[in-house]
Amino acid sequence: MTAQSLPFAVNDLTLAFHRIQYLGAMAEPEHRYIEHWSVTAGPHDIDGEIAEQVGTADIGIVNVGAALAAGHHPIDALDEWSQDLVDIGNAIFDPNGEYSEQLQDWRGGFPLLGDLLICDRITLKPRFRGHRLGPLIAGLAIASLARGCALAACIPAPIEGDLEGPARDRAINALQRTWASIGFEQYRGNVWLLDMGSQPYEDMVTGLLKRVG
């Protein structure tokens, strides 16, 4: 399938946002400081509904300030989500739950204030791959949910198959290039960050909106 053979125009792509709240989990304080969002992407029909699912994005927002005010370390919220995401927390938070001095030095010494957005998983149906729809969906989902966030974070890693050795390395390198294409930068290990107050973020939003304009 070539880019010209997509069965819809890119500007017909629609994102549907669903917030997931597990009421039974509200009894646990750690669950109160993280928002889970499921984003579905696809072309819309004449009623504005998604006619066919093209891809999905799973995104979380950690309410850093609210967690700290209640006496909880933000990593506690990540630990309730997945161990992989604890790696993000360990990379960016200090023992007190504040954004670390090393992170603030990395972004030029400016203080960080705001929540943390985490891109947990982006998927595309196989027949729609090769058209750069993944970065488009991820970038626009981030831009839509990022209000009040200081950073977006991800760990580029394959989620399908059982890859090992050089094949896994190639898959990770390809995913890193994808995230870099929308402004993410490697911070520590395989933790990649996007500074929501930076020019790369503004450039990403501008570029994506031009593509769908």
N, C-alpha and C. Protein backbone atom coordinates (compact mmCIF):
# COMPACT_ATOMS: atom_id res chain seq x y z
N MET A 1 0.85 -1.18 0.00
CA MET A 1 0.00 0.00 0.00
C MET A 1 0.90 1.24 0.00
N THR A 2 0.68 2.16 -0.91
CA THR A 2 1.44 3.40 -0.95
C THR A 2 0.68 4.48 -0.22
N ALA A 3 1.39 5.60 0.02
CA ALA A 3 0.74 6.69 0.74
C ALA A 3 -0.47 7.20 -0.01
N GLN A 4 -0.42 7.14 -1.36
CA GLN A 4 -1.53 7.63 -2.15
C GLN A 4 -2.75 6.72 -2.08
N SER A 5 -2.58 5.51 -1.57
CA SER A 5 -3.68 4.56 -1.58
C SER A 5 -4.42 4.46 -0.25
N LEU A 6 -4.15 5.39 0.66
CA LEU A 6 -4.95 5.42 1.87
C LEU A 6 -6.43 5.58 1.50
N PRO A 7 -7.32 4.82 2.12
CA PRO A 7 -8.73 4.89 1.74
C PRO A 7 -9.47 6.09 2.32
N PHE A 8 -8.74 7.07 2.82
CA PHE A 8 -9.37 8.28 3.35
C PHE A 8 -8.35 9.41 3.27
N ALA A 9 -8.85 10.64 3.28
CA ALA A 9 -7.97 11.80 3.32
C ALA A 9 -7.47 11.99 4.76
N VAL A 10 -6.22 12.39 4.89
CA VAL A 10 -5.66 12.54 6.23
C VAL A 10 -6.47 13.52 7.06
N ASN A 11 -7.01 14.57 6.43
CA ASN A 11 -7.77 15.53 7.21
C ASN A 11 -9.17 15.04 7.58
N ASP A 12 -9.51 13.81 7.18
CA ASP A 12 -10.74 13.19 7.66
C ASP A 12 -10.52 12.36 8.92
N LEU A 13 -9.27 12.31 9.36
CA LEU A 13 -8.95 11.53 10.55
C LEU A 13 -9.57 12.21 11.78
N THR A 14 -10.17 11.40 12.62
CA THR A 14 -10.82 11.89 13.84
C THR A 14 -10.23 11.17 15.04
N LEU A 15 -10.07 11.89 16.14
CA LEU A 15 -9.63 11.28 17.39
C LEU A 15 -10.78 11.31 18.39
N ALA A 16 -11.09 10.17 18.96
CA ALA A 16 -12.11 10.07 20.00
C ALA A 16 -11.42 9.77 21.33
N PHE A 17 -11.69 10.59 22.34
CA PHE A 17 -11.02 10.48 23.64
C PHE A 17 -11.99 9.92 24.67
N HIS A 18 -11.52 8.89 25.37
CA HIS A 18 -12.32 8.26 26.42
C HIS A 18 -11.48 8.19 27.68
N ARG A 19 -11.98 8.80 28.76
CA ARG A 19 -11.28 8.69 30.03
C ARG A 19 -11.78 7.43 30.75
N ILE A 20 -10.83 6.64 31.23
CA ILE A 20 -11.15 5.38 31.89
C ILE A 20 -10.95 5.57 33.40
N GLN A 21 -12.01 5.32 34.15
CA GLN A 21 -11.93 5.44 35.60
C GLN A 21 -12.45 4.17 36.24
N TYR A 22 -11.60 3.44 36.92
CA TYR A 22 -11.99 2.23 37.62
C TYR A 22 -12.45 2.62 39.02
N LEU A 23 -13.75 2.61 39.23
CA LEU A 23 -14.30 3.12 40.49
C LEU A 23 -13.81 2.32 41.69
N GLY A 24 -13.64 1.01 41.51
CA GLY A 24 -13.17 0.19 42.61
C GLY A 24 -11.78 0.56 43.08
N ALA A 25 -11.01 1.17 42.16
CA ALA A 25 -9.64 1.53 42.50
C ALA A 25 -9.55 2.85 43.25
N MET A 26 -10.66 3.60 43.32
CA MET A 26 -10.61 4.92 43.95
C MET A 26 -10.31 4.83 45.45
N ALA A 27 -10.53 3.65 46.04
CA ALA A 27 -10.23 3.49 47.46
C ALA A 27 -8.73 3.58 47.73
N GLU A 28 -7.92 3.30 46.70
CA GLU A 28 -6.47 3.37 46.86
C GLU A 28 -6.01 4.79 46.51
N PRO A 29 -5.38 5.49 47.44
CA PRO A 29 -4.99 6.88 47.19
C PRO A 29 -4.16 7.07 45.93
N GLU A 30 -3.28 6.09 45.64
CA GLU A 30 -2.39 6.24 44.49
C GLU A 30 -3.15 6.37 43.18
N HIS A 31 -4.34 5.78 43.12
CA HIS A 31 -5.11 5.80 41.88
C HIS A 31 -5.78 7.15 41.63
N ARG A 32 -5.80 7.99 42.63
CA ARG A 32 -6.53 9.25 42.50
C ARG A 32 -5.74 10.32 41.76
N TYR A 33 -4.47 10.06 41.52
CA TYR A 33 -3.60 11.09 40.97
C TYR A 33 -3.08 10.74 39.58
N ILE A 34 -3.78 9.83 38.92
CA ILE A 34 -3.42 9.50 37.55
C ILE A 34 -4.69 9.34 36.72
N GLU A 35 -4.69 9.98 35.56
CA GLU A 35 -5.81 9.88 34.63
C GLU A 35 -5.42 8.94 33.50
N HIS A 36 -6.30 8.00 33.19
CA HIS A 36 -6.07 7.07 32.08
C HIS A 36 -6.96 7.49 30.91
N TRP A 37 -6.34 7.68 29.76
CA TRP A 37 -7.08 8.06 28.55
C TRP A 37 -6.84 7.04 27.46
N SER A 38 -7.92 6.64 26.80
CA SER A 38 -7.85 5.78 25.62
C SER A 38 -8.30 6.60 24.42
N VAL A 39 -7.43 6.67 23.41
CA VAL A 39 -7.70 7.49 22.23
C VAL A 39 -7.84 6.56 21.03
N THR A 40 -8.94 6.71 20.30
CA THR A 40 -9.17 5.92 19.10
C THR A 40 -9.13 6.85 17.89
N ALA A 41 -8.42 6.45 16.85
CA ALA A 41 -8.27 7.27 15.65
C ALA A 41 -8.84 6.54 14.44
N GLY A 42 -9.49 7.30 13.56
CA GLY A 42 -10.00 6.74 12.32
C GLY A 42 -10.74 7.79 11.53
N PRO A 43 -11.04 7.53 10.27
CA PRO A 43 -11.81 8.49 9.48
C PRO A 43 -13.25 8.55 9.98
N HIS A 44 -13.85 9.72 9.89
CA HIS A 44 -15.22 9.88 10.38
C HIS A 44 -16.23 9.73 9.23
N ASP A 45 -17.45 9.34 9.61
CA ASP A 45 -18.53 9.24 8.64
C ASP A 45 -19.34 10.52 8.63
N ILE A 46 -20.46 10.53 7.93
CA ILE A 46 -21.23 11.77 7.77
C ILE A 46 -21.85 12.22 9.10
N ASP A 47 -21.92 11.32 10.06
CA ASP A 47 -22.46 11.67 11.38
C ASP A 47 -21.36 12.09 12.35
N GLY A 48 -20.10 12.11 11.86
CA GLY A 48 -18.99 12.50 12.71
C GLY A 48 -18.45 11.38 13.58
N GLU A 49 -18.97 10.17 13.40
CA GLU A 49 -18.48 9.02 14.16
C GLU A 49 -17.33 8.36 13.42
N ILE A 50 -16.46 7.68 14.17
CA ILE A 50 -15.34 6.98 13.54
C ILE A 50 -15.87 5.78 12.78
N ALA A 51 -15.61 5.76 11.47
CA ALA A 51 -16.14 4.71 10.60
C ALA A 51 -15.28 3.46 10.64
N GLU A 52 -13.98 3.61 10.81
CA GLU A 52 -13.05 2.48 10.85
C GLU A 52 -11.88 2.83 11.74
N GLN A 53 -11.55 1.94 12.66
CA GLN A 53 -10.42 2.20 13.55
C GLN A 53 -9.11 2.03 12.80
N VAL A 54 -8.29 3.06 12.87
CA VAL A 54 -6.96 3.04 12.25
C VAL A 54 -5.89 2.74 13.29
N GLY A 55 -6.02 3.35 14.46
CA GLY A 55 -5.03 3.16 15.50
C GLY A 55 -5.56 3.61 16.85
N THR A 56 -4.75 3.39 17.86
CA THR A 56 -5.13 3.77 19.22
C THR A 56 -3.92 4.35 19.95
N ALA A 57 -4.21 5.09 20.99
CA ALA A 57 -3.17 5.60 21.88
C ALA A 57 -3.64 5.46 23.31
N ASP A 58 -2.77 4.93 24.16
CA ASP A 58 -3.05 4.85 25.60
C ASP A 58 -2.16 5.88 26.29
N ILE A 59 -2.78 6.82 26.97
CA ILE A 59 -2.05 7.94 27.56
C ILE A 59 -2.46 8.10 29.01
N GLY A 60 -1.50 8.42 29.85
CA GLY A 60 -1.78 8.70 31.25
C GLY A 60 -1.28 10.08 31.62
N ILE A 61 -1.96 10.71 32.54
CA ILE A 61 -1.53 12.01 33.07
C ILE A 61 -1.39 11.88 34.58
N VAL A 62 -0.19 12.09 35.06
CA VAL A 62 0.07 12.04 36.50
C VAL A 62 -0.09 13.45 37.06
N ASN A 63 -1.02 13.61 37.99
CA ASN A 63 -1.25 14.91 38.63
C ASN A 63 -0.21 15.12 39.72
N VAL A 64 0.96 15.58 39.30
CA VAL A 64 2.13 15.65 40.18
C VAL A 64 1.87 16.55 41.39
N GLY A 65 1.39 17.76 41.14
CA GLY A 65 1.17 18.69 42.23
C GLY A 65 0.15 18.19 43.23
N ALA A 66 -0.94 17.61 42.74
CA ALA A 66 -1.97 17.10 43.63
C ALA A 66 -1.46 15.93 44.46
N ALA A 67 -0.66 15.07 43.85
CA ALA A 67 -0.10 13.94 44.58
C ALA A 67 0.81 14.43 45.71
N LEU A 68 1.68 15.38 45.39
CA LEU A 68 2.60 15.89 46.40
C LEU A 68 1.85 16.60 47.53
N ALA A 69 0.83 17.37 47.16
CA ALA A 69 0.06 18.08 48.18
C ALA A 69 -0.62 17.12 49.15
N ALA A 70 -0.96 15.93 48.66
CA ALA A 70 -1.61 14.92 49.51
C ALA A 70 -0.60 14.01 50.20
N GLY A 71 0.69 14.28 49.99
CA GLY A 71 1.71 13.49 50.67
C GLY A 71 2.09 12.21 49.97
N HIS A 72 1.82 12.11 48.65
CA HIS A 72 2.14 10.90 47.90
C HIS A 72 3.21 11.20 46.86
N HIS A 73 4.15 10.28 46.73
CA HIS A 73 5.18 10.39 45.70
C HIS A 73 4.55 10.02 44.35
N PRO A 74 4.81 10.81 43.29
CA PRO A 74 4.22 10.48 41.98
C PRO A 74 4.55 9.08 41.49
N ILE A 75 5.69 8.54 41.90
CA ILE A 75 6.04 7.18 41.46
C ILE A 75 5.03 6.17 41.98
N ASP A 76 4.38 6.47 43.12
CA ASP A 76 3.37 5.55 43.62
C ASP A 76 2.25 5.36 42.61
N ALA A 77 1.87 6.44 41.92
CA ALA A 77 0.83 6.34 40.89
C ALA A 77 1.31 5.50 39.72
N LEU A 78 2.57 5.68 39.33
CA LEU A 78 3.12 4.92 38.21
C LEU A 78 3.24 3.44 38.56
N ASP A 79 3.58 3.16 39.82
CA ASP A 79 3.73 1.78 40.25
C ASP A 79 2.41 1.02 40.15
N GLU A 80 1.30 1.74 40.32
CA GLU A 80 -0.01 1.11 40.18
C GLU A 80 -0.33 0.84 38.72
N TRP A 81 0.40 1.46 37.82
CA TRP A 81 0.12 1.34 36.38
C TRP A 81 0.97 0.24 35.78
N SER A 82 2.31 0.40 35.78
CA SER A 82 3.18 -0.65 35.27
C SER A 82 4.62 -0.39 35.70
N GLN A 83 5.40 -1.45 35.81
CA GLN A 83 6.79 -1.34 36.22
C GLN A 83 7.60 -0.55 35.21
N ASP A 84 7.30 -0.72 33.91
CA ASP A 84 8.04 0.03 32.89
C ASP A 84 7.94 1.52 33.13
N LEU A 85 6.76 1.97 33.54
CA LEU A 85 6.58 3.40 33.73
C LEU A 85 7.22 3.90 35.01
N VAL A 86 7.45 2.99 35.95
CA VAL A 86 8.23 3.37 37.14
C VAL A 86 9.63 3.81 36.70
N ASP A 87 10.16 3.21 35.62
CA ASP A 87 11.47 3.62 35.12
C ASP A 87 11.47 5.09 34.72
N ILE A 88 10.36 5.55 34.15
CA ILE A 88 10.25 6.97 33.82
C ILE A 88 10.29 7.80 35.09
N GLY A 89 9.51 7.39 36.09
CA GLY A 89 9.49 8.12 37.34
C GLY A 89 10.86 8.18 38.00
N ASN A 90 11.57 7.06 38.00
CA ASN A 90 12.90 7.03 38.61
C ASN A 90 13.88 7.94 37.88
N ALA A 91 13.65 8.13 36.59
CA ALA A 91 14.56 8.97 35.80
C ALA A 91 14.32 10.46 36.03
N ILE A 92 13.11 10.86 36.38
CA ILE A 92 12.81 12.30 36.38
C ILE A 92 12.48 12.87 37.75
N PHE A 93 12.11 12.03 38.73
CA PHE A 93 11.74 12.56 40.04
C PHE A 93 12.87 12.35 41.05
N ASP A 94 12.98 13.27 42.01
CA ASP A 94 13.93 13.08 43.10
C ASP A 94 13.25 12.31 44.23
N PRO A 95 13.98 11.98 45.30
CA PRO A 95 13.37 11.18 46.38
C PRO A 95 12.15 11.83 47.03
N ASN A 96 12.03 13.17 46.90
CA ASN A 96 10.89 13.86 47.50
C ASN A 96 9.69 13.94 46.57
N GLY A 97 9.85 13.44 45.33
CA GLY A 97 8.74 13.48 44.38
C GLY A 97 8.71 14.71 43.50
N GLU A 98 9.71 15.59 43.67
CA GLU A 98 9.82 16.76 42.81
C GLU A 98 10.59 16.39 41.54
N TYR A 99 10.40 17.18 40.48
CA TYR A 99 11.25 17.00 39.31
C TYR A 99 12.70 17.23 39.73
N SER A 100 13.60 16.32 39.32
CA SER A 100 14.97 16.34 39.83
C SER A 100 15.76 17.53 39.31
N GLU A 101 16.81 17.88 40.05
CA GLU A 101 17.70 18.96 39.62
C GLU A 101 18.38 18.60 38.31
N GLN A 102 18.74 17.31 38.14
CA GLN A 102 19.38 16.89 36.89
C GLN A 102 18.47 17.13 35.70
N LEU A 103 17.17 16.86 35.89
CA LEU A 103 16.22 17.10 34.81
C LEU A 103 16.10 18.58 34.51
N GLN A 104 16.06 19.40 35.53
CA GLN A 104 15.94 20.83 35.30
C GLN A 104 17.20 21.40 34.66
N ASP A 105 18.36 20.84 35.02
CA ASP A 105 19.60 21.23 34.34
C ASP A 105 19.55 20.83 32.87
N TRP A 106 18.99 19.65 32.59
CA TRP A 106 18.90 19.15 31.22
C TRP A 106 18.08 20.09 30.33
N ARG A 107 17.10 20.73 30.92
CA ARG A 107 16.27 21.66 30.13
C ARG A 107 16.71 23.10 30.28
N GLY A 108 17.98 23.31 30.67
CA GLY A 108 18.53 24.65 30.68
C GLY A 108 18.45 25.38 31.99
N GLY A 109 18.13 24.66 33.07
CA GLY A 109 18.10 25.28 34.38
C GLY A 109 16.78 25.92 34.75
N PHE A 110 15.78 25.81 33.88
CA PHE A 110 14.48 26.40 34.18
C PHE A 110 13.66 25.45 35.06
N PRO A 111 12.93 26.00 36.03
CA PRO A 111 12.12 25.13 36.89
C PRO A 111 10.98 24.48 36.12
N LEU A 112 10.61 23.30 36.54
CA LEU A 112 9.50 22.57 35.91
C LEU A 112 8.30 22.62 36.83
N LEU A 113 7.18 23.07 36.30
CA LEU A 113 5.93 23.12 37.04
C LEU A 113 4.83 22.53 36.18
N GLY A 114 4.13 21.56 36.70
CA GLY A 114 3.03 20.99 35.94
C GLY A 114 3.00 19.48 36.05
N ASP A 115 2.01 18.92 35.38
CA ASP A 115 1.79 17.48 35.42
C ASP A 115 2.70 16.75 34.44
N LEU A 116 2.63 15.42 34.49
CA LEU A 116 3.43 14.56 33.61
C LEU A 116 2.50 13.75 32.73
N LEU A 117 2.67 13.88 31.42
CA LEU A 117 1.91 13.08 30.46
C LEU A 117 2.78 11.92 29.99
N ILE A 118 2.22 10.72 30.01
CA ILE A 118 2.98 9.54 29.59
C ILE A 118 2.28 8.86 28.42
N CYS A 119 3.02 8.68 27.35
CA CYS A 119 2.52 7.92 26.19
C CYS A 119 2.88 6.46 26.43
N ASP A 120 1.90 5.70 26.84
CA ASP A 120 2.18 4.31 27.21
C ASP A 120 2.24 3.41 26.00
N ARG A 121 1.30 3.59 25.07
CA ARG A 121 1.23 2.66 23.94
C ARG A 121 0.53 3.32 22.76
N ILE A 122 1.15 3.21 21.58
CA ILE A 122 0.54 3.67 20.34
C ILE A 122 0.48 2.48 19.40
N THR A 123 -0.69 2.19 18.85
CA THR A 123 -0.82 1.05 17.94
C THR A 123 -1.47 1.51 16.64
N LEU A 124 -1.09 0.84 15.56
CA LEU A 124 -1.71 1.05 14.25
C LEU A 124 -2.07 -0.30 13.67
N LYS A 125 -3.21 -0.38 13.03
CA LYS A 125 -3.53 -1.61 12.30
C LYS A 125 -2.51 -1.79 11.18
N PRO A 126 -2.07 -3.03 10.94
CA PRO A 126 -0.98 -3.26 9.99
C PRO A 126 -1.19 -2.63 8.62
N ARG A 127 -2.41 -2.63 8.12
CA ARG A 127 -2.60 -2.13 6.75
C ARG A 127 -2.47 -0.61 6.64
N PHE A 128 -2.41 0.07 7.78
CA PHE A 128 -2.27 1.52 7.75
C PHE A 128 -0.86 1.98 8.10
N ARG A 129 0.06 1.04 8.26
CA ARG A 129 1.42 1.41 8.59
C ARG A 129 2.17 1.90 7.34
N GLY A 130 3.21 2.68 7.56
CA GLY A 130 4.00 3.19 6.46
C GLY A 130 3.53 4.52 5.93
N HIS A 131 2.59 5.16 6.61
CA HIS A 131 2.05 6.45 6.16
C HIS A 131 2.29 7.56 7.17
N ARG A 132 3.11 7.29 8.17
CA ARG A 132 3.42 8.25 9.24
C ARG A 132 2.16 8.66 10.00
N LEU A 133 1.22 7.76 10.10
CA LEU A 133 0.02 8.04 10.88
C LEU A 133 0.28 7.89 12.38
N GLY A 134 1.24 7.04 12.74
CA GLY A 134 1.55 6.86 14.15
C GLY A 134 2.00 8.16 14.81
N PRO A 135 3.02 8.84 14.25
CA PRO A 135 3.42 10.13 14.83
C PRO A 135 2.30 11.16 14.80
N LEU A 136 1.49 11.13 13.77
CA LEU A 136 0.38 12.08 13.66
C LEU A 136 -0.62 11.87 14.79
N ILE A 137 -1.02 10.61 15.00
CA ILE A 137 -1.99 10.30 16.05
C ILE A 137 -1.39 10.60 17.43
N ALA A 138 -0.15 10.18 17.64
CA ALA A 138 0.48 10.42 18.94
C ALA A 138 0.62 11.91 19.21
N GLY A 139 1.10 12.64 18.23
CA GLY A 139 1.34 14.08 18.42
C GLY A 139 0.07 14.85 18.69
N LEU A 140 -0.99 14.56 17.93
CA LEU A 140 -2.24 15.29 18.12
C LEU A 140 -2.92 14.87 19.42
N ALA A 141 -2.78 13.62 19.81
CA ALA A 141 -3.33 13.19 21.11
C ALA A 141 -2.61 13.91 22.25
N ILE A 142 -1.29 14.01 22.15
CA ILE A 142 -0.52 14.73 23.17
C ILE A 142 -0.96 16.19 23.22
N ALA A 143 -1.04 16.83 22.06
CA ALA A 143 -1.42 18.24 22.03
C ALA A 143 -2.80 18.47 22.61
N SER A 144 -3.70 17.51 22.45
CA SER A 144 -5.06 17.66 22.96
C SER A 144 -5.16 17.48 24.46
N LEU A 145 -4.26 16.66 25.03
CA LEU A 145 -4.35 16.31 26.46
C LEU A 145 -3.31 17.03 27.32
N ALA A 146 -2.42 17.80 26.70
CA ALA A 146 -1.24 18.29 27.42
C ALA A 146 -1.46 19.54 28.24
N ARG A 147 -2.64 20.10 28.25
CA ARG A 147 -2.85 21.32 29.02
C ARG A 147 -2.52 21.07 30.50
N GLY A 148 -1.66 21.91 31.03
CA GLY A 148 -1.26 21.77 32.42
C GLY A 148 -0.10 20.83 32.64
N CYS A 149 0.43 20.25 31.57
CA CYS A 149 1.55 19.30 31.69
C CYS A 149 2.87 20.00 31.42
N ALA A 150 3.88 19.65 32.18
CA ALA A 150 5.22 20.19 31.98
C ALA A 150 6.01 19.35 30.99
N LEU A 151 5.77 18.04 31.00
CA LEU A 151 6.54 17.11 30.19
C LEU A 151 5.63 16.03 29.62
N ALA A 152 6.04 15.51 28.47
CA ALA A 152 5.52 14.24 27.97
C ALA A 152 6.68 13.26 27.97
N ALA A 153 6.39 12.01 28.29
CA ALA A 153 7.45 11.00 28.39
C ALA A 153 7.01 9.71 27.72
N CYS A 154 7.98 8.96 27.24
CA CYS A 154 7.69 7.64 26.67
C CYS A 154 8.94 6.78 26.76
N ILE A 155 8.73 5.48 26.59
CA ILE A 155 9.84 4.52 26.48
C ILE A 155 9.65 3.80 25.15
N PRO A 156 10.41 4.18 24.12
CA PRO A 156 10.25 3.53 22.81
C PRO A 156 10.65 2.06 22.88
N ALA A 157 9.68 1.18 22.75
CA ALA A 157 9.96 -0.26 22.79
C ALA A 157 8.84 -0.98 22.04
N PRO A 158 9.17 -2.05 21.31
CA PRO A 158 8.13 -2.78 20.58
C PRO A 158 7.18 -3.47 21.54
N ILE A 159 5.90 -3.47 21.18
CA ILE A 159 4.89 -4.09 22.04
C ILE A 159 4.31 -5.34 21.39
N GLU A 160 4.74 -5.63 20.17
CA GLU A 160 4.22 -6.80 19.47
C GLU A 160 5.35 -7.79 19.20
N GLY A 161 5.03 -9.06 19.24
CA GLY A 161 6.01 -10.08 18.92
C GLY A 161 6.96 -10.35 20.07
N ASP A 162 7.90 -11.22 19.81
CA ASP A 162 8.87 -11.64 20.84
C ASP A 162 10.26 -11.42 20.27
N LEU A 163 10.63 -10.15 20.10
CA LEU A 163 11.89 -9.80 19.46
C LEU A 163 13.03 -9.88 20.45
N GLU A 164 14.17 -10.34 19.97
CA GLU A 164 15.37 -10.41 20.80
C GLU A 164 16.57 -10.00 19.97
N GLY A 165 17.65 -9.63 20.65
CA GLY A 165 18.91 -9.35 20.00
C GLY A 165 18.83 -8.24 18.98
N PRO A 166 19.52 -8.39 17.82
CA PRO A 166 19.57 -7.33 16.82
C PRO A 166 18.20 -6.91 16.30
N ALA A 167 17.26 -7.86 16.19
CA ALA A 167 15.93 -7.51 15.69
C ALA A 167 15.23 -6.54 16.65
N ARG A 168 15.37 -6.79 17.95
CA ARG A 168 14.77 -5.87 18.92
C ARG A 168 15.47 -4.51 18.89
N ASP A 169 16.79 -4.53 18.75
CA ASP A 169 17.54 -3.27 18.68
C ASP A 169 17.08 -2.44 17.48
N ARG A 170 16.87 -3.10 16.33
CA ARG A 170 16.42 -2.36 15.14
C ARG A 170 15.03 -1.78 15.36
N ALA A 171 14.17 -2.56 16.01
CA ALA A 171 12.81 -2.07 16.27
C ALA A 171 12.84 -0.87 17.22
N ILE A 172 13.68 -0.93 18.24
CA ILE A 172 13.79 0.19 19.18
C ILE A 172 14.34 1.42 18.48
N ASN A 173 15.36 1.24 17.64
CA ASN A 173 15.93 2.38 16.92
C ASN A 173 14.90 3.03 16.01
N ALA A 174 14.06 2.22 15.37
CA ALA A 174 13.03 2.77 14.50
C ALA A 174 12.01 3.56 15.31
N LEU A 175 11.64 3.04 16.47
CA LEU A 175 10.68 3.75 17.32
C LEU A 175 11.29 5.03 17.88
N GLN A 176 12.56 5.00 18.21
CA GLN A 176 13.21 6.22 18.69
C GLN A 176 13.19 7.30 17.61
N ARG A 177 13.42 6.91 16.36
CA ARG A 177 13.37 7.89 15.27
C ARG A 177 11.96 8.46 15.13
N THR A 178 10.96 7.60 15.34
CA THR A 178 9.57 8.07 15.24
C THR A 178 9.28 9.12 16.30
N TRP A 179 9.65 8.83 17.55
CA TRP A 179 9.39 9.80 18.61
C TRP A 179 10.22 11.06 18.43
N ALA A 180 11.44 10.92 17.94
CA ALA A 180 12.27 12.11 17.68
C ALA A 180 11.64 13.00 16.61
N SER A 181 10.89 12.39 15.69
CA SER A 181 10.29 13.17 14.61
C SER A 181 9.20 14.11 15.11
N ILE A 182 8.69 13.88 16.32
CA ILE A 182 7.70 14.81 16.88
C ILE A 182 8.25 15.53 18.11
N GLY A 183 9.58 15.64 18.17
CA GLY A 183 10.20 16.51 19.15
C GLY A 183 10.74 15.87 20.40
N PHE A 184 10.54 14.56 20.60
CA PHE A 184 11.05 13.91 21.80
C PHE A 184 12.57 13.80 21.71
N GLU A 185 13.20 13.89 22.88
CA GLU A 185 14.65 13.76 22.99
C GLU A 185 14.99 12.69 24.01
N GLN A 186 16.07 11.97 23.75
CA GLN A 186 16.51 10.95 24.70
C GLN A 186 17.05 11.64 25.94
N TYR A 187 16.56 11.21 27.10
CA TYR A 187 16.99 11.84 28.35
C TYR A 187 17.95 10.94 29.12
N ARG A 188 17.48 9.77 29.51
CA ARG A 188 18.32 8.85 30.27
C ARG A 188 17.92 7.43 29.94
N GLY A 189 18.89 6.61 29.52
CA GLY A 189 18.57 5.25 29.10
C GLY A 189 17.61 5.30 27.91
N ASN A 190 16.50 4.59 28.02
CA ASN A 190 15.52 4.62 26.95
C ASN A 190 14.29 5.45 27.34
N VAL A 191 14.48 6.38 28.26
CA VAL A 191 13.42 7.33 28.61
C VAL A 191 13.57 8.56 27.72
N TRP A 192 12.52 8.87 26.98
CA TRP A 192 12.51 10.00 26.07
C TRP A 192 11.49 11.02 26.55
N LEU A 193 11.84 12.30 26.43
CA LEU A 193 11.02 13.37 26.97
C LEU A 193 10.74 14.44 25.92
N LEU A 194 9.60 15.09 26.08
CA LEU A 194 9.25 16.26 25.28
C LEU A 194 8.87 17.37 26.26
N ASP A 195 9.60 18.45 26.22
CA ASP A 195 9.36 19.61 27.08
C ASP A 195 8.18 20.39 26.49
N MET A 196 7.07 20.45 27.24
CA MET A 196 5.86 21.05 26.69
C MET A 196 5.96 22.56 26.55
N GLY A 197 7.00 23.15 27.15
CA GLY A 197 7.20 24.58 26.99
C GLY A 197 8.28 24.93 25.98
N SER A 198 8.69 23.96 25.18
CA SER A 198 9.83 24.15 24.30
C SER A 198 9.41 24.47 22.86
N GLN A 199 10.37 24.96 22.10
CA GLN A 199 10.13 25.20 20.68
C GLN A 199 9.88 23.90 19.91
N PRO A 200 10.59 22.80 20.22
CA PRO A 200 10.27 21.54 19.51
C PRO A 200 8.80 21.14 19.67
N TYR A 201 8.21 21.39 20.85
CA TYR A 201 6.79 21.07 21.02
C TYR A 201 5.93 21.96 20.14
N GLU A 202 6.21 23.25 20.13
CA GLU A 202 5.44 24.18 19.29
C GLU A 202 5.60 23.82 17.82
N ASP A 203 6.81 23.46 17.41
CA ASP A 203 7.05 23.07 16.02
C ASP A 203 6.28 21.81 15.67
N MET A 204 6.21 20.86 16.62
CA MET A 204 5.48 19.63 16.38
C MET A 204 4.01 19.92 16.12
N VAL A 205 3.40 20.73 16.98
CA VAL A 205 1.98 21.03 16.83
C VAL A 205 1.72 21.75 15.52
N THR A 206 2.56 22.73 15.21
CA THR A 206 2.39 23.48 13.96
C THR A 206 2.50 22.56 12.76
N GLY A 207 3.53 21.70 12.77
CA GLY A 207 3.73 20.80 11.63
C GLY A 207 2.59 19.80 11.46
N LEU A 208 2.08 19.26 12.55
CA LEU A 208 1.00 18.29 12.46
C LEU A 208 -0.28 18.96 11.98
N LEU A 209 -0.55 20.17 12.46
CA LEU A 209 -1.77 20.86 12.03
C LEU A 209 -1.69 21.23 10.55
N LYS A 210 -0.51 21.54 10.06
CA LYS A 210 -0.35 21.82 8.62
C LYS A 210 -0.65 20.57 7.80
N ARG A 211 -0.25 19.41 8.35
CA ARG A 211 -0.46 18.16 7.61
C ARG A 211 -1.95 17.83 7.47
N VAL A 212 -2.72 18.19 8.50
CA VAL A 212 -4.15 17.86 8.44
C VAL A 212 -4.99 19.04 7.98
N GLY A 213 -4.33 20.17 7.70
CA GLY A 213 -5.07 21.37 7.32
C GLY A 213 -5.52 21.36 5.87
